Amino acid sequence: MADSEHMGVADVEAPPPSERGRRRRAGAHVRVTDRLDAVTRVLGSDAAVAQALEVSRAQPKRWREGQAPDPENRDRIIGLDAVIALLSGYLAESSIPKWLNGVNARLGDRRPISVLREGRASDVIAAIEAEKSGAFA
């Protein structure tokens, strides 16, 4: 058999590792900024997003302009976006900020936004699912 008959996926020329990493980081940044935009639409302003994430008021704008969020804030943005997406199927969009900032019995009488800041999106998601199913705290 000729060498060309043995070509597989591994034989296809791939970009150098530095280029693959740059593309992967650029793609990840685009997804985070898309999520940031979705969060901002619901919360109403960059100032509200900054307050929710406990960052400076200018930080959301910097992220949109190309500065990548640090891993902790990236995870917070993703968690907040996931929670908002779940709530969007359950509450009116105008009620979501109130729900996030209200005391929630399913979270030990804590505010969901505070629990999200601690990186515990799964706890907030569980509270949403319990509310949706009608379970009591």
C-alpha atoms as a PDB file:
ATOM      1  CA  MET A   1       0.000   0.000   0.000  1.00  0.00           C
ATOM      2  CA  ALA A   2       1.166   3.509  -0.735  1.00  0.00           C
ATOM      3  CA  ASP A   3       1.843   5.920   2.103  1.00  0.00           C
ATOM      4  CA  SER A   4      -1.067   8.115   1.018  1.00  0.00           C
ATOM      5  CA  GLU A   5      -3.483   5.243   1.711  1.00  0.00           C
ATOM      6  CA  HIS A   6      -2.454   5.233   5.367  1.00  0.00           C
ATOM      7  CA  MET A   7      -3.204   8.894   6.027  1.00  0.00           C
ATOM      8  CA  GLY A   8      -5.448   9.338   9.009  1.00  0.00           C
ATOM      9  CA  VAL A   9      -6.752  12.181  11.070  1.00  0.00           C
ATOM     10  CA  ALA A  10      -3.417  12.502  12.866  1.00  0.00           C
ATOM     11  CA  ASP A  11      -1.682  13.029   9.514  1.00  0.00           C
ATOM     12  CA  VAL A  12      -3.722  16.112   8.605  1.00  0.00           C
ATOM     13  CA  GLU A  13      -1.709  19.238   9.137  1.00  0.00           C
ATOM     14  CA  ALA A  14      -2.854  21.031  12.290  1.00  0.00           C
ATOM     15  CA  PRO A  15      -2.044  24.547  13.382  1.00  0.00           C
ATOM     16  CA  PRO A  16       0.954  24.818  15.701  1.00  0.00           C
ATOM     17  CA  PRO A  17       0.168  24.432  19.421  1.00  0.00           C
ATOM     18  CA  SER A  18       0.511  28.165  20.086  1.00  0.00           C
ATOM     19  CA  GLU A  19      -2.070  28.917  17.394  1.00  0.00           C
ATOM     20  CA  ARG A  20      -4.495  26.259  18.696  1.00  0.00           C
ATOM     21  CA  GLY A  21      -4.238  27.735  22.208  1.00  0.00           C
ATOM     22  CA  ARG A  22      -4.845  31.256  20.926  1.00  0.00           C
ATOM     23  CA  ARG A  23      -7.911  30.123  18.992  1.00  0.00           C
ATOM     24  CA  ARG A  24      -9.257  28.197  21.978  1.00  0.00           C
ATOM     25  CA  ARG A  25      -8.790  31.212  24.280  1.00  0.00           C
ATOM     26  CA  ALA A  26     -10.411  33.544  21.742  1.00  0.00           C
ATOM     27  CA  GLY A  27     -13.394  31.203  21.413  1.00  0.00           C
ATOM     28  CA  ALA A  28     -13.754  30.933  25.175  1.00  0.00           C
ATOM     29  CA  HIS A  29     -13.653  34.721  25.495  1.00  0.00           C
ATOM     30  CA  VAL A  30     -16.392  35.127  22.886  1.00  0.00           C
ATOM     31  CA  ARG A  31     -18.631  32.704  24.769  1.00  0.00           C
ATOM     32  CA  VAL A  32     -18.043  34.481  28.075  1.00  0.00           C
ATOM     33  CA  THR A  33     -18.799  37.886  26.549  1.00  0.00           C
ATOM     34  CA  ASP A  34     -21.976  36.482  24.995  1.00  0.00           C
ATOM     35  CA  ARG A  35     -22.971  35.242  28.452  1.00  0.00           C
ATOM     36  CA  LEU A  36     -22.021  38.611  29.953  1.00  0.00           C
ATOM     37  CA  ASP A  37     -24.271  40.354  27.420  1.00  0.00           C
ATOM     38  CA  ALA A  38     -27.167  38.024  28.293  1.00  0.00           C
ATOM     39  CA  VAL A  39     -26.686  38.697  32.014  1.00  0.00           C
ATOM     40  CA  THR A  40     -26.531  42.458  31.380  1.00  0.00           C
ATOM     41  CA  ARG A  41     -29.772  42.354  29.369  1.00  0.00           C
ATOM     42  CA  VAL A  42     -31.608  40.820  32.311  1.00  0.00           C
ATOM     43  CA  LEU A  43     -29.955  42.767  35.129  1.00  0.00           C
ATOM     44  CA  GLY A  44     -30.295  46.018  33.196  1.00  0.00           C
ATOM     45  CA  SER A  45     -26.837  47.581  33.267  1.00  0.00           C
ATOM     46  CA  ASP A  46     -23.121  47.020  33.613  1.00  0.00           C
ATOM     47  CA  ALA A  47     -23.379  48.610  37.063  1.00  0.00           C
ATOM     48  CA  ALA A  48     -25.893  45.941  38.136  1.00  0.00           C
ATOM     49  CA  VAL A  49     -23.651  43.207  36.715  1.00  0.00           C
ATOM     50  CA  ALA A  50     -20.628  44.655  38.499  1.00  0.00           C
ATOM     51  CA  GLN A  51     -22.558  44.725  41.754  1.00  0.00           C
ATOM     52  CA  ALA A  52     -23.767  41.140  41.268  1.00  0.00           C
ATOM     53  CA  LEU A  53     -20.215  39.940  40.610  1.00  0.00           C
ATOM     54  CA  GLU A  54     -18.603  42.262  43.176  1.00  0.00           C
ATOM     55  CA  VAL A  55     -16.219  43.852  40.666  1.00  0.00           C
ATOM     56  CA  SER A  56     -15.594  47.476  39.741  1.00  0.00           C
ATOM     57  CA  ARG A  57     -18.293  49.185  37.694  1.00  0.00           C
ATOM     58  CA  ALA A  58     -15.868  49.489  34.752  1.00  0.00           C
ATOM     59  CA  GLN A  59     -14.941  45.795  34.690  1.00  0.00           C
ATOM     60  CA  PRO A  60     -17.810  44.451  32.508  1.00  0.00           C
ATOM     61  CA  LYS A  61     -16.905  47.026  29.834  1.00  0.00           C
ATOM     62  CA  ARG A  62     -13.234  45.972  30.000  1.00  0.00           C
ATOM     63  CA  TRP A  63     -14.237  42.340  29.495  1.00  0.00           C
ATOM     64  CA  ARG A  64     -16.287  43.280  26.431  1.00  0.00           C
ATOM     65  CA  GLU A  65     -13.342  45.240  25.051  1.00  0.00           C
ATOM     66  CA  GLY A  66     -11.092  42.193  25.141  1.00  0.00           C
ATOM     67  CA  GLN A  67      -9.722  41.784  28.654  1.00  0.00           C
ATOM     68  CA  ALA A  68     -10.385  38.173  29.632  1.00  0.00           C
ATOM     69  CA  PRO A  69     -11.996  37.676  33.026  1.00  0.00           C
ATOM     70  CA  ASP A  70      -9.916  35.843  35.597  1.00  0.00           C
ATOM     71  CA  PRO A  71     -11.011  32.210  36.143  1.00  0.00           C
ATOM     72  CA  GLU A  72     -13.077  33.024  39.251  1.00  0.00           C
ATOM     73  CA  ASN A  73     -15.062  35.775  37.509  1.00  0.00           C
ATOM     74  CA  ARG A  74     -15.395  33.707  34.345  1.00  0.00           C
ATOM     75  CA  ASP A  75     -17.022  30.969  36.432  1.00  0.00           C
ATOM     76  CA  ARG A  76     -19.250  33.518  38.165  1.00  0.00           C
ATOM     77  CA  ILE A  77     -20.432  34.908  34.808  1.00  0.00           C
ATOM     78  CA  ILE A  78     -21.147  31.415  33.489  1.00  0.00           C
ATOM     79  CA  GLY A  79     -22.973  30.430  36.690  1.00  0.00           C
ATOM     80  CA  LEU A  80     -25.050  33.607  36.735  1.00  0.00           C
ATOM     81  CA  ASP A  81     -25.950  33.148  33.072  1.00  0.00           C
ATOM     82  CA  ALA A  82     -26.995  29.528  33.656  1.00  0.00           C
ATOM     83  CA  VAL A  83     -29.164  30.524  36.614  1.00  0.00           C
ATOM     84  CA  ILE A  84     -30.762  33.355  34.636  1.00  0.00           C
ATOM     85  CA  ALA A  85     -31.470  30.962  31.755  1.00  0.00           C
ATOM     86  CA  LEU A  86     -33.253  28.580  34.136  1.00  0.00           C
ATOM     87  CA  LEU A  87     -35.206  31.400  35.740  1.00  0.00           C
ATOM     88  CA  SER A  88     -36.194  32.776  32.324  1.00  0.00           C
ATOM     89  CA  GLY A  89     -38.305  29.702  31.714  1.00  0.00           C
ATOM     90  CA  TYR A  90     -39.978  30.128  35.084  1.00  0.00           C
ATOM     91  CA  LEU A  91     -40.230  33.843  35.925  1.00  0.00           C
ATOM     92  CA  ALA A  92     -40.884  37.045  34.032  1.00  0.00           C
ATOM     93  CA  GLU A  93     -37.564  38.629  33.064  1.00  0.00           C
ATOM     94  CA  SER A  94     -38.315  41.674  35.229  1.00  0.00           C
ATOM     95  CA  SER A  95     -38.692  39.395  38.285  1.00  0.00           C
ATOM     96  CA  ILE A  96     -35.290  37.710  37.902  1.00  0.00           C
ATOM     97  CA  PRO A  97     -33.203  40.452  39.585  1.00  0.00           C
ATOM     98  CA  LYS A  98     -35.690  40.470  42.483  1.00  0.00           C
ATOM     99  CA  TRP A  99     -35.428  36.683  42.830  1.00  0.00           C
ATOM    100  CA  LEU A 100     -31.623  36.801  42.762  1.00  0.00           C
ATOM    101  CA  ASN A 101     -31.523  39.472  45.485  1.00  0.00           C
ATOM    102  CA  GLY A 102     -34.326  38.136  47.657  1.00  0.00           C
ATOM    103  CA  VAL A 103     -33.880  35.911  50.697  1.00  0.00           C
ATOM    104  CA  ASN A 104     -34.475  32.275  49.743  1.00  0.00           C
ATOM    105  CA  ALA A 105     -35.503  29.646  52.318  1.00  0.00           C
ATOM    106  CA  ARG A 106     -34.103  26.864  50.121  1.00  0.00           C
ATOM    107  CA  LEU A 107     -30.687  28.471  50.460  1.00  0.00           C
ATOM    108  CA  GLY A 108     -30.792  28.767  54.238  1.00  0.00           C
ATOM    109  CA  ASP A 109     -32.392  32.235  54.100  1.00  0.00           C
ATOM    110  CA  ARG A 110     -29.530  33.545  51.979  1.00  0.00           C
ATOM    111  CA  ARG A 111     -29.744  35.580  48.814  1.00  0.00           C
ATOM    112  CA  PRO A 112     -29.124  33.552  45.629  1.00  0.00           C
ATOM    113  CA  ILE A 113     -26.731  36.206  44.319  1.00  0.00           C
ATOM    114  CA  SER A 114     -24.580  35.795  47.461  1.00  0.00           C
ATOM    115  CA  VAL A 115     -24.487  32.028  47.011  1.00  0.00           C
ATOM    116  CA  LEU A 116     -23.503  32.488  43.347  1.00  0.00           C
ATOM    117  CA  ARG A 117     -20.640  34.792  44.362  1.00  0.00           C
ATOM    118  CA  GLU A 118     -19.301  31.953  46.500  1.00  0.00           C
ATOM    119  CA  GLY A 119     -19.114  29.770  43.390  1.00  0.00           C
ATOM    120  CA  ARG A 120     -22.044  27.598  44.432  1.00  0.00           C
ATOM    121  CA  ALA A 121     -24.209  27.837  41.326  1.00  0.00           C
ATOM    122  CA  SER A 122     -25.276  24.207  41.800  1.00  0.00           C
ATOM    123  CA  ASP A 123     -26.949  25.132  45.108  1.00  0.00           C
ATOM    124  CA  VAL A 124     -28.867  27.947  43.418  1.00  0.00           C
ATOM    125  CA  ILE A 125     -29.858  25.672  40.540  1.00  0.00           C
ATOM    126  CA  ALA A 126     -31.121  23.086  43.046  1.00  0.00           C
ATOM    127  CA  ALA A 127     -33.213  25.816  44.723  1.00  0.00           C
ATOM    128  CA  ILE A 128     -34.703  26.790  41.355  1.00  0.00           C
ATOM    129  CA  GLU A 129     -35.524  23.170  40.535  1.00  0.00           C
ATOM    130  CA  ALA A 130     -37.129  22.717  43.973  1.00  0.00           C
ATOM    131  CA  GLU A 131     -39.270  25.816  43.416  1.00  0.00           C
ATOM    132  CA  LYS A 132     -40.272  24.660  39.957  1.00  0.00           C
ATOM    133  CA  SER A 133     -41.335  21.273  41.261  1.00  0.00           C
ATOM    134  CA  GLY A 134     -43.211  22.806  44.179  1.00  0.00           C
ATOM    135  CA  ALA A 135     -41.035  21.249  46.874  1.00  0.00           C
ATOM    136  CA  PHE A 136     -41.030  22.960  50.249  1.00  0.00           C
ATOM    137  CA  ALA A 137     -37.927  24.276  51.980  1.00  0.00           C
END
